[in-house]
Amino acid sequence: MAFRKFLPMFDRVLVERFAAETVTKGGIMLPEKSQGKVLQAMVVAVGPGNVNKDGNLQPVCVKVGEKVLLPEYGGTKVSLDDKEYFLFRDGDILGKYVE
């Protein structure tokens, strides 16, 4: 897998967005323009965290494999092995889903 070749630095989190819905529940095909931006993603890699003002390592709040909610804007697109991933700072992630 591509993300095993990439380790985010500091408090950054590498995520893979879920695919956009292309068909409604009623079976209507949605054109690309009307598909909403997907704000849910799976965490595929995390950095070690940041060092706080006391010199202690503050670890990242999410773990690999967790489903998270992203802000509508932001993040840096990263292409690895022809797949699209996004890098966000730990503090930019809005929340995580608990099962």
PDB file of N, CA and C in Angstrom:
ATOM      1  N   MET A   1       0.835  -1.186   0.000  1.00  0.00           N
ATOM      2  CA  MET A   1       0.000   0.000   0.000  1.00  0.00           C
ATOM      3  C   MET A   1       0.881   1.251   0.000  1.00  0.00           C
ATOM      4  N   ALA A   2       0.448   2.270  -0.675  1.00  0.00           N
ATOM      5  CA  ALA A   2       1.245   3.474  -0.889  1.00  0.00           C
ATOM      6  C   ALA A   2       1.568   4.201   0.405  1.00  0.00           C
ATOM      7  N   PHE A   3       0.619   4.285   1.334  1.00  0.00           N
ATOM      8  CA  PHE A   3       0.842   5.078   2.535  1.00  0.00           C
ATOM      9  C   PHE A   3       1.883   4.473   3.456  1.00  0.00           C
ATOM     10  N   ARG A   4       2.263   3.233   3.261  1.00  0.00           N
ATOM     11  CA  ARG A   4       3.330   2.644   4.065  1.00  0.00           C
ATOM     12  C   ARG A   4       4.687   3.201   3.656  1.00  0.00           C
ATOM     13  N   LYS A   5       4.736   3.820   2.493  1.00  0.00           N
ATOM     14  CA  LYS A   5       5.968   4.430   2.003  1.00  0.00           C
ATOM     15  C   LYS A   5       6.057   5.893   2.396  1.00  0.00           C
ATOM     16  N   PHE A   6       5.052   6.399   3.084  1.00  0.00           N
ATOM     17  CA  PHE A   6       4.980   7.823   3.409  1.00  0.00           C
ATOM     18  C   PHE A   6       4.631   8.003   4.869  1.00  0.00           C
ATOM     19  N   LEU A   7       5.467   8.724   5.603  1.00  0.00           N
ATOM     20  CA  LEU A   7       5.215   9.005   7.014  1.00  0.00           C
ATOM     21  C   LEU A   7       5.058  10.507   7.197  1.00  0.00           C
ATOM     22  N   PRO A   8       3.882  10.960   7.629  1.00  0.00           N
ATOM     23  CA  PRO A   8       3.696  12.394   7.858  1.00  0.00           C
ATOM     24  C   PRO A   8       4.614  12.906   8.961  1.00  0.00           C
ATOM     25  N   MET A   9       4.977  14.167   8.878  1.00  0.00           N
ATOM     26  CA  MET A   9       5.841  14.786   9.872  1.00  0.00           C
ATOM     27  C   MET A   9       5.001  15.501  10.928  1.00  0.00           C
ATOM     28  N   PHE A  10       5.554  15.633  12.123  1.00  0.00           N
ATOM     29  CA  PHE A  10       4.977  16.378  13.237  1.00  0.00           C
ATOM     30  C   PHE A  10       3.533  15.954  13.503  1.00  0.00           C
ATOM     31  N   ASP A  11       2.588  16.910  13.500  1.00  0.00           N
ATOM     32  CA  ASP A  11       1.200  16.607  13.858  1.00  0.00           C
ATOM     33  C   ASP A  11       0.311  16.430  12.626  1.00  0.00           C
ATOM     34  N   ARG A  12       0.891  15.996  11.534  1.00  0.00           N
ATOM     35  CA  ARG A  12       0.100  15.849  10.312  1.00  0.00           C
ATOM     36  C   ARG A  12      -0.507  14.452  10.212  1.00  0.00           C
ATOM     37  N   VAL A  13      -1.669  14.397   9.548  1.00  0.00           N
ATOM     38  CA  VAL A  13      -2.429  13.159   9.404  1.00  0.00           C
ATOM     39  C   VAL A  13      -2.722  12.955   7.923  1.00  0.00           C
ATOM     40  N   LEU A  14      -2.398  11.781   7.396  1.00  0.00           N
ATOM     41  CA  LEU A  14      -2.687  11.442   6.005  1.00  0.00           C
ATOM     42  C   LEU A  14      -3.998  10.671   5.970  1.00  0.00           C
ATOM     43  N   VAL A  15      -4.952  11.160   5.155  1.00  0.00           N
ATOM     44  CA  VAL A  15      -6.262  10.521   5.083  1.00  0.00           C
ATOM     45  C   VAL A  15      -6.612  10.197   3.635  1.00  0.00           C
ATOM     46  N   GLU A  16      -7.493   9.228   3.480  1.00  0.00           N
ATOM     47  CA  GLU A  16      -8.060   8.885   2.176  1.00  0.00           C
ATOM     48  C   GLU A  16      -9.548   9.169   2.263  1.00  0.00           C
ATOM     49  N   ARG A  17     -10.009  10.134   1.463  1.00  0.00           N
ATOM     50  CA  ARG A  17     -11.435  10.495   1.467  1.00  0.00           C
ATOM     51  C   ARG A  17     -12.268   9.333   0.928  1.00  0.00           C
ATOM     52  N   PHE A  18     -13.485   9.192   1.479  1.00  0.00           N
ATOM     53  CA  PHE A  18     -14.412   8.196   0.956  1.00  0.00           C
ATOM     54  C   PHE A  18     -14.936   8.673  -0.395  1.00  0.00           C
ATOM     55  N   ALA A  19     -15.358   7.757  -1.239  1.00  0.00           N
ATOM     56  CA  ALA A  19     -15.858   8.092  -2.574  1.00  0.00           C
ATOM     57  C   ALA A  19     -17.191   8.829  -2.470  1.00  0.00           C
ATOM     58  N   ALA A  20     -17.408   9.748  -3.397  1.00  0.00           N
ATOM     59  CA  ALA A  20     -18.663  10.502  -3.446  1.00  0.00           C
ATOM     60  C   ALA A  20     -19.785   9.593  -3.929  1.00  0.00           C
ATOM     61  N   GLU A  21     -20.993   9.872  -3.452  1.00  0.00           N
ATOM     62  CA  GLU A  21     -22.171   9.124  -3.894  1.00  0.00           C
ATOM     63  C   GLU A  21     -22.451   9.479  -5.348  1.00  0.00           C
ATOM     64  N   THR A  22     -22.564   8.470  -6.193  1.00  0.00           N
ATOM     65  CA  THR A  22     -22.835   8.719  -7.607  1.00  0.00           C
ATOM     66  C   THR A  22     -24.270   8.370  -7.980  1.00  0.00           C
ATOM     67  N   VAL A  23     -24.964   7.677  -7.080  1.00  0.00           N
ATOM     68  CA  VAL A  23     -26.348   7.280  -7.315  1.00  0.00           C
ATOM     69  C   VAL A  23     -27.138   7.561  -6.047  1.00  0.00           C
ATOM     70  N   THR A  24     -28.332   8.151  -6.188  1.00  0.00           N
ATOM     71  CA  THR A  24     -29.178   8.404  -5.021  1.00  0.00           C
ATOM     72  C   THR A  24     -29.793   7.099  -4.546  1.00  0.00           C
ATOM     73  N   LYS A  25     -30.416   7.114  -3.378  1.00  0.00           N
ATOM     74  CA  LYS A  25     -31.073   5.911  -2.860  1.00  0.00           C
ATOM     75  C   LYS A  25     -32.195   5.457  -3.784  1.00  0.00           C
ATOM     76  N   GLY A  26     -32.783   6.410  -4.524  1.00  0.00           N
ATOM     77  CA  GLY A  26     -33.842   6.081  -5.479  1.00  0.00           C
ATOM     78  C   GLY A  26     -33.318   5.573  -6.813  1.00  0.00           C
ATOM     79  N   GLY A  27     -31.997   5.553  -7.000  1.00  0.00           N
ATOM     80  CA  GLY A  27     -31.401   5.012  -8.216  1.00  0.00           C
ATOM     81  C   GLY A  27     -31.076   6.047  -9.280  1.00  0.00           C
ATOM     82  N   ILE A  28     -31.183   7.332  -8.952  1.00  0.00           N
ATOM     83  CA  ILE A  28     -30.889   8.383  -9.929  1.00  0.00           C
ATOM     84  C   ILE A  28     -29.391   8.638  -9.962  1.00  0.00           C
ATOM     85  N   MET A  29     -28.830   8.634 -11.168  1.00  0.00           N
ATOM     86  CA  MET A  29     -27.393   8.909 -11.333  1.00  0.00           C
ATOM     87  C   MET A  29     -27.136  10.398 -11.128  1.00  0.00           C
ATOM     88  N   LEU A  30     -26.139  10.731 -10.318  1.00  0.00           N
ATOM     89  CA  LEU A  30     -25.803  12.121 -10.052  1.00  0.00           C
ATOM     90  C   LEU A  30     -24.648  12.564 -10.938  1.00  0.00           C
ATOM     91  N   PRO A  31     -24.801  13.709 -11.633  1.00  0.00           N
ATOM     92  CA  PRO A  31     -23.661  14.223 -12.400  1.00  0.00           C
ATOM     93  C   PRO A  31     -22.572  14.701 -11.448  1.00  0.00           C
ATOM     94  N   GLU A  32     -21.338  14.718 -11.923  1.00  0.00           N
ATOM     95  CA  GLU A  32     -20.195  15.069 -11.074  1.00  0.00           C
ATOM     96  C   GLU A  32     -20.356  16.441 -10.418  1.00  0.00           C
ATOM     97  N   LYS A  33     -20.956  17.412 -11.139  1.00  0.00           N
ATOM     98  CA  LYS A  33     -21.115  18.758 -10.604  1.00  0.00           C
ATOM     99  C   LYS A  33     -22.024  18.803  -9.381  1.00  0.00           C
ATOM    100  N   SER A  34     -23.017  17.917  -9.318  1.00  0.00           N
ATOM    101  CA  SER A  34     -23.965  17.968  -8.216  1.00  0.00           C
ATOM    102  C   SER A  34     -23.563  17.084  -7.034  1.00  0.00           C
ATOM    103  N   GLN A  35     -22.487  16.338  -7.186  1.00  0.00           N
ATOM    104  CA  GLN A  35     -22.021  15.506  -6.076  1.00  0.00           C
ATOM    105  C   GLN A  35     -21.382  16.400  -5.025  1.00  0.00           C
ATOM    106  N   GLY A  36     -21.773  16.214  -3.793  1.00  0.00           N
ATOM    107  CA  GLY A  36     -21.205  17.011  -2.706  1.00  0.00           C
ATOM    108  C   GLY A  36     -19.775  16.611  -2.408  1.00  0.00           C
ATOM    109  N   LYS A  37     -19.048  17.527  -1.792  1.00  0.00           N
ATOM    110  CA  LYS A  37     -17.675  17.239  -1.394  1.00  0.00           C
ATOM    111  C   LYS A  37     -17.715  16.270  -0.213  1.00  0.00           C
ATOM    112  N   VAL A  38     -16.945  15.212  -0.287  1.00  0.00           N
ATOM    113  CA  VAL A  38     -16.937  14.200   0.763  1.00  0.00           C
ATOM    114  C   VAL A  38     -16.090  14.697   1.923  1.00  0.00           C
ATOM    115  N   LEU A  39     -16.693  14.774   3.100  1.00  0.00           N
ATOM    116  CA  LEU A  39     -15.992  15.283   4.278  1.00  0.00           C
ATOM    117  C   LEU A  39     -15.568  14.164   5.223  1.00  0.00           C
ATOM    118  N   GLN A  40     -15.858  12.929   4.864  1.00  0.00           N
ATOM    119  CA  GLN A  40     -15.473  11.792   5.690  1.00  0.00           C
ATOM    120  C   GLN A  40     -14.273  11.107   5.059  1.00  0.00           C
ATOM    121  N   ALA A  41     -13.367  10.637   5.922  1.00  0.00           N
ATOM    122  CA  ALA A  41     -12.151  10.001   5.417  1.00  0.00           C
ATOM    123  C   ALA A  41     -11.653   8.962   6.405  1.00  0.00           C
ATOM    124  N   MET A  42     -10.769   8.106   5.912  1.00  0.00           N
ATOM    125  CA  MET A  42     -10.113   7.096   6.742  1.00  0.00           C
ATOM    126  C   MET A  42      -8.669   7.526   6.962  1.00  0.00           C
ATOM    127  N   VAL A  43      -8.215   7.469   8.204  1.00  0.00           N
ATOM    128  CA  VAL A  43      -6.829   7.810   8.534  1.00  0.00           C
ATOM    129  C   VAL A  43      -5.938   6.654   8.084  1.00  0.00           C
ATOM    130  N   VAL A  44      -4.924   6.974   7.260  1.00  0.00           N
ATOM    131  CA  VAL A  44      -4.030   5.928   6.762  1.00  0.00           C
ATOM    132  C   VAL A  44      -2.605   6.051   7.314  1.00  0.00           C
ATOM    133  N   ALA A  45      -2.237   7.221   7.840  1.00  0.00           N
ATOM    134  CA  ALA A  45      -0.917   7.388   8.461  1.00  0.00           C
ATOM    135  C   ALA A  45      -0.941   8.637   9.335  1.00  0.00           C
ATOM    136  N   VAL A  46      -0.185   8.608  10.428  1.00  0.00           N
ATOM    137  CA  VAL A  46      -0.105   9.766  11.330  1.00  0.00           C
ATOM    138  C   VAL A  46       1.349  10.046  11.685  1.00  0.00           C
ATOM    139  N   GLY A  47       1.644  11.319  11.905  1.00  0.00           N
ATOM    140  CA  GLY A  47       2.968  11.715  12.363  1.00  0.00           C
ATOM    141  C   GLY A  47       3.093  11.463  13.859  1.00  0.00           C
ATOM    142  N   PRO A  48       4.280  11.648  14.420  1.00  0.00           N
ATOM    143  CA  PRO A  48       4.505  11.383  15.843  1.00  0.00           C
ATOM    144  C   PRO A  48       3.864  12.416  16.768  1.00  0.00           C
ATOM    145  N   GLY A  49       3.612  13.623  16.278  1.00  0.00           N
ATOM    146  CA  GLY A  49       3.047  14.683  17.113  1.00  0.00           C
ATOM    147  C   GLY A  49       3.982  15.873  17.156  1.00  0.00           C
ATOM    148  N   ASN A  50       3.612  16.870  17.964  1.00  0.00           N
ATOM    149  CA  ASN A  50       4.407  18.092  18.124  1.00  0.00           C
ATOM    150  C   ASN A  50       4.998  18.159  19.521  1.00  0.00           C
ATOM    151  N   VAL A  51       6.075  18.877  19.651  1.00  0.00           N
ATOM    152  CA  VAL A  51       6.670  19.117  20.964  1.00  0.00           C
ATOM    153  C   VAL A  51       6.045  20.388  21.522  1.00  0.00           C
ATOM    154  N   ASN A  52       5.492  20.313  22.744  1.00  0.00           N
ATOM    155  CA  ASN A  52       4.851  21.493  23.339  1.00  0.00           C
ATOM    156  C   ASN A  52       5.894  22.403  23.978  1.00  0.00           C
ATOM    157  N   LYS A  53       5.446  23.510  24.560  1.00  0.00           N
ATOM    158  CA  LYS A  53       6.379  24.503  25.099  1.00  0.00           C
ATOM    159  C   LYS A  53       7.218  23.974  26.263  1.00  0.00           C
ATOM    160  N   ASP A  54       6.765  22.892  26.902  1.00  0.00           N
ATOM    161  CA  ASP A  54       7.531  22.274  27.993  1.00  0.00           C
ATOM    162  C   ASP A  54       8.547  21.251  27.492  1.00  0.00           C
ATOM    163  N   GLY A  55       8.545  21.019  26.169  1.00  0.00           N
ATOM    164  CA  GLY A  55       9.486  20.062  25.595  1.00  0.00           C
ATOM    165  C   GLY A  55       8.966  18.645  25.548  1.00  0.00           C
ATOM    166  N   ASN A  56       7.702  18.445  25.885  1.00  0.00           N
ATOM    167  CA  ASN A  56       7.111  17.101  25.866  1.00  0.00           C
ATOM    168  C   ASN A  56       6.404  16.854  24.535  1.00  0.00           C
ATOM    169  N   LEU A  57       6.447  15.622  24.081  1.00  0.00           N
ATOM    170  CA  LEU A  57       5.789  15.258  22.831  1.00  0.00           C
ATOM    171  C   LEU A  57       4.283  15.167  23.053  1.00  0.00           C
ATOM    172  N   GLN A  58       3.529  15.939  22.272  1.00  0.00           N
ATOM    173  CA  GLN A  58       2.060  15.904  22.297  1.00  0.00           C
ATOM    174  C   GLN A  58       1.618  15.029  21.130  1.00  0.00           C
ATOM    175  N   PRO A  59       1.180  13.784  21.393  1.00  0.00           N
ATOM    176  CA  PRO A  59       0.843  12.882  20.287  1.00  0.00           C
ATOM    177  C   PRO A  59      -0.405  13.332  19.524  1.00  0.00           C
ATOM    178  N   VAL A  60      -0.556  12.798  18.324  1.00  0.00           N
ATOM    179  CA  VAL A  60      -1.716  13.079  17.473  1.00  0.00           C
ATOM    180  C   VAL A  60      -2.944  12.405  18.087  1.00  0.00           C
ATOM    181  N   CYS A  61      -4.119  13.033  17.940  1.00  0.00           N
ATOM    182  CA  CYS A  61      -5.362  12.556  18.580  1.00  0.00           C
ATOM    183  C   CYS A  61      -6.042  11.393  17.865  1.00  0.00           C
ATOM    184  N   VAL A  62      -5.670  11.122  16.617  1.00  0.00           N
ATOM    185  CA  VAL A  62      -6.324  10.045  15.867  1.00  0.00           C
ATOM    186  C   VAL A  62      -5.325   8.940  15.570  1.00  0.00           C
ATOM    187  N   LYS A  63      -5.870   7.762  15.262  1.00  0.00           N
ATOM    188  CA  LYS A  63      -5.032   6.601  14.966  1.00  0.00           C
ATOM    189  C   LYS A  63      -5.343   6.087  13.566  1.00  0.00           C
ATOM    190  N   VAL A  64      -4.415   5.346  13.001  1.00  0.00           N
ATOM    191  CA  VAL A  64      -4.605   4.720  11.690  1.00  0.00           C
ATOM    192  C   VAL A  64      -5.834   3.814  11.763  1.00  0.00           C
ATOM    193  N   GLY A  65      -6.692   3.914  10.749  1.00  0.00           N
ATOM    194  CA  GLY A  65      -7.883   3.080  10.678  1.00  0.00           C
ATOM    195  C   GLY A  65      -9.139   3.754  11.192  1.00  0.00           C
ATOM    196  N   GLU A  66      -9.013   4.927  11.825  1.00  0.00           N
ATOM    197  CA  GLU A  66     -10.189   5.619  12.337  1.00  0.00           C
ATOM    198  C   GLU A  66     -10.850   6.429  11.229  1.00  0.00           C
ATOM    199  N   LYS A  67     -12.177   6.554  11.323  1.00  0.00           N
ATOM    200  CA  LYS A  67     -12.966   7.344  10.382  1.00  0.00           C
ATOM    201  C   LYS A  67     -13.128   8.738  10.978  1.00  0.00           C
ATOM    202  N   VAL A  68     -12.775   9.771  10.205  1.00  0.00           N
ATOM    203  CA  VAL A  68     -12.787  11.142  10.719  1.00  0.00           C
ATOM    204  C   VAL A  68     -13.643  12.055   9.850  1.00  0.00           C
ATOM    205  N   LEU A  69     -14.016  13.208  10.435  1.00  0.00           N
ATOM    206  CA  LEU A  69     -14.754  14.246   9.735  1.00  0.00           C
ATOM    207  C   LEU A  69     -13.789  15.386   9.436  1.00  0.00           C
ATOM    208  N   LEU A  70     -13.723  15.791   8.174  1.00  0.00           N
ATOM    209  CA  LEU A  70     -12.782  16.820   7.739  1.00  0.00           C
ATOM    210  C   LEU A  70     -13.485  18.159   7.548  1.00  0.00           C
ATOM    211  N   PRO A  71     -12.735  19.246   7.621  1.00  0.00           N
ATOM    212  CA  PRO A  71     -13.328  20.545   7.280  1.00  0.00           C
ATOM    213  C   PRO A  71     -13.600  20.597   5.777  1.00  0.00           C
ATOM    214  N   GLU A  72     -14.504  21.488   5.372  1.00  0.00           N
ATOM    215  CA  GLU A  72     -14.861  21.577   3.955  1.00  0.00           C
ATOM    216  C   GLU A  72     -13.679  22.032   3.099  1.00  0.00           C
ATOM    217  N   TYR A  73     -12.855  22.910   3.653  1.00  0.00           N
ATOM    218  CA  TYR A  73     -11.704  23.426   2.905  1.00  0.00           C
ATOM    219  C   TYR A  73     -10.427  23.114   3.664  1.00  0.00           C
ATOM    220  N   GLY A  74      -9.322  23.100   2.942  1.00  0.00           N
ATOM    221  CA  GLY A  74      -8.029  22.874   3.578  1.00  0.00           C
ATOM    222  C   GLY A  74      -7.451  21.530   3.185  1.00  0.00           C
ATOM    223  N   GLY A  75      -6.340  21.223   3.781  1.00  0.00           N
ATOM    224  CA  GLY A  75      -5.646  19.990   3.473  1.00  0.00           C
ATOM    225  C   GLY A  75      -4.782  20.146   2.238  1.00  0.00           C
ATOM    226  N   THR A  76      -3.807  19.283   2.106  1.00  0.00           N
ATOM    227  CA  THR A  76      -2.894  19.281   0.969  1.00  0.00           C
ATOM    228  C   THR A  76      -3.044  17.961   0.236  1.00  0.00           C
ATOM    229  N   LYS A  77      -3.332  18.032  -1.067  1.00  0.00           N
ATOM    230  CA  LYS A  77      -3.494  16.818  -1.861  1.00  0.00           C
ATOM    231  C   LYS A  77      -2.133  16.184  -2.105  1.00  0.00           C
ATOM    232  N   VAL A  78      -2.066  14.868  -1.913  1.00  0.00           N
ATOM    233  CA  VAL A  78      -0.839  14.104  -2.127  1.00  0.00           C
ATOM    234  C   VAL A  78      -1.184  12.910  -3.009  1.00  0.00           C
ATOM    235  N   SER A  79      -0.448  12.714  -4.093  1.00  0.00           N
ATOM    236  CA  SER A  79      -0.664  11.549  -4.957  1.00  0.00           C
ATOM    237  C   SER A  79       0.434  10.534  -4.699  1.00  0.00           C
ATOM    238  N   LEU A  80       0.028   9.335  -4.323  1.00  0.00           N
ATOM    239  CA  LEU A  80       0.972   8.238  -4.073  1.00  0.00           C
ATOM    240  C   LEU A  80       0.488   7.020  -4.844  1.00  0.00           C
ATOM    241  N   ASP A  81       1.313   6.499  -5.727  1.00  0.00           N
ATOM    242  CA  ASP A  81       0.961   5.329  -6.546  1.00  0.00           C
ATOM    243  C   ASP A  81      -0.383   5.507  -7.226  1.00  0.00           C
ATOM    244  N   ASP A  82      -0.596   6.671  -7.849  1.00  0.00           N
ATOM    245  CA  ASP A  82      -1.812   6.978  -8.606  1.00  0.00           C
ATOM    246  C   ASP A  82      -3.081   7.006  -7.751  1.00  0.00           C
ATOM    247  N   LYS A  83      -2.958   7.190  -6.449  1.00  0.00           N
ATOM    248  CA  LYS A  83      -4.106   7.343  -5.565  1.00  0.00           C
ATOM    249  C   LYS A  83      -4.015   8.702  -4.909  1.00  0.00           C
ATOM    250  N   GLU A  84      -5.180   9.293  -4.608  1.00  0.00           N
ATOM    251  CA  GLU A  84      -5.221  10.618  -3.987  1.00  0.00           C
ATOM    252  C   GLU A  84      -5.411  10.504  -2.481  1.00  0.00           C
ATOM    253  N   TYR A  85      -4.552  11.174  -1.757  1.00  0.00           N
ATOM    254  CA  TYR A  85      -4.653  11.273  -0.308  1.00  0.00           C
ATOM    255  C   TYR A  85      -4.603  12.750   0.052  1.00  0.00           C
ATOM    256  N   PHE A  86      -4.914  13.075   1.309  1.00  0.00           N
ATOM    257  CA  PHE A  86      -4.860  14.453   1.767  1.00  0.00           C
ATOM    258  C   PHE A  86      -4.157  14.514   3.113  1.00  0.00           C
ATOM    259  N   LEU A  87      -3.342  15.546   3.282  1.00  0.00           N
ATOM    260  CA  LEU A  87      -2.645  15.794   4.544  1.00  0.00           C
ATOM    261  C   LEU A  87      -3.349  16.922   5.287  1.00  0.00           C
ATOM    262  N   PHE A  88      -3.681  16.677   6.543  1.00  0.00           N
ATOM    263  CA  PHE A  88      -4.272  17.685   7.410  1.00  0.00           C
ATOM    264  C   PHE A  88      -3.469  17.753   8.696  1.00  0.00           C
ATOM    265  N   ARG A  89      -3.492  18.898   9.345  1.00  0.00           N
ATOM    266  CA  ARG A  89      -2.929  18.992  10.693  1.00  0.00           C
ATOM    267  C   ARG A  89      -3.917  18.338  11.648  1.00  0.00           C
ATOM    268  N   ASP A  90      -3.416  17.751  12.697  1.00  0.00           N
ATOM    269  CA  ASP A  90      -4.252  17.089  13.686  1.00  0.00           C
ATOM    270  C   ASP A  90      -5.351  18.028  14.197  1.00  0.00           C
ATOM    271  N   GLY A  91      -5.001  19.288  14.449  1.00  0.00           N
ATOM    272  CA  GLY A  91      -5.960  20.254  14.973  1.00  0.00           C
ATOM    273  C   GLY A  91      -7.023  20.677  13.978  1.00  0.00           C
ATOM    274  N   ASP A  92      -6.811  20.403  12.682  1.00  0.00           N
ATOM    275  CA  ASP A  92      -7.802  20.758  11.662  1.00  0.00           C
ATOM    276  C   ASP A  92      -8.909  19.724  11.532  1.00  0.00           C
ATOM    277  N   ILE A  93      -8.682  18.515  12.002  1.00  0.00           N
ATOM    278  CA  ILE A  93      -9.680  17.461  11.904  1.00  0.00           C
ATOM    279  C   ILE A  93     -10.794  17.769  12.904  1.00  0.00           C
ATOM    280  N   LEU A  94     -12.041  17.743  12.407  1.00  0.00           N
ATOM    281  CA  LEU A  94     -13.182  18.179  13.219  1.00  0.00           C
ATOM    282  C   LEU A  94     -13.615  17.160  14.258  1.00  0.00           C
ATOM    283  N   GLY A  95     -13.462  15.897  13.957  1.00  0.00           N
ATOM    284  CA  GLY A  95     -13.897  14.852  14.901  1.00  0.00           C
ATOM    285  C   GLY A  95     -13.647  13.480  14.331  1.00  0.00           C
ATOM    286  N   LYS A  96     -13.919  12.481  15.158  1.00  0.00           N
ATOM    287  CA  LYS A  96     -13.790  11.103  14.693  1.00  0.00           C
ATOM    288  C   LYS A  96     -15.041  10.339  15.073  1.00  0.00           C
ATOM    289  N   TYR A  97     -15.354   9.325  14.282  1.00  0.00           N
ATOM    290  CA  TYR A  97     -16.542   8.518  14.498  1.00  0.00           C
ATOM    291  C   TYR A  97     -16.208   7.389  15.477  1.00  0.00           C
ATOM    292  N   VAL A  98     -17.084   7.198  16.447  1.00  0.00           N
ATOM    293  CA  VAL A  98     -16.894   6.149  17.460  1.00  0.00           C
ATOM    294  C   VAL A  98     -17.911   5.049  17.194  1.00  0.00           C
ATOM    295  N   GLU A  99     -17.443   3.832  17.154  1.00  0.00           N
ATOM    296  CA  GLU A  99     -18.362   2.707  16.887  1.00  0.00           C
ATOM    297  C   GLU A  99     -18.818   2.082  18.159  1.00  0.00           C
TER     298      GLU A  99
END
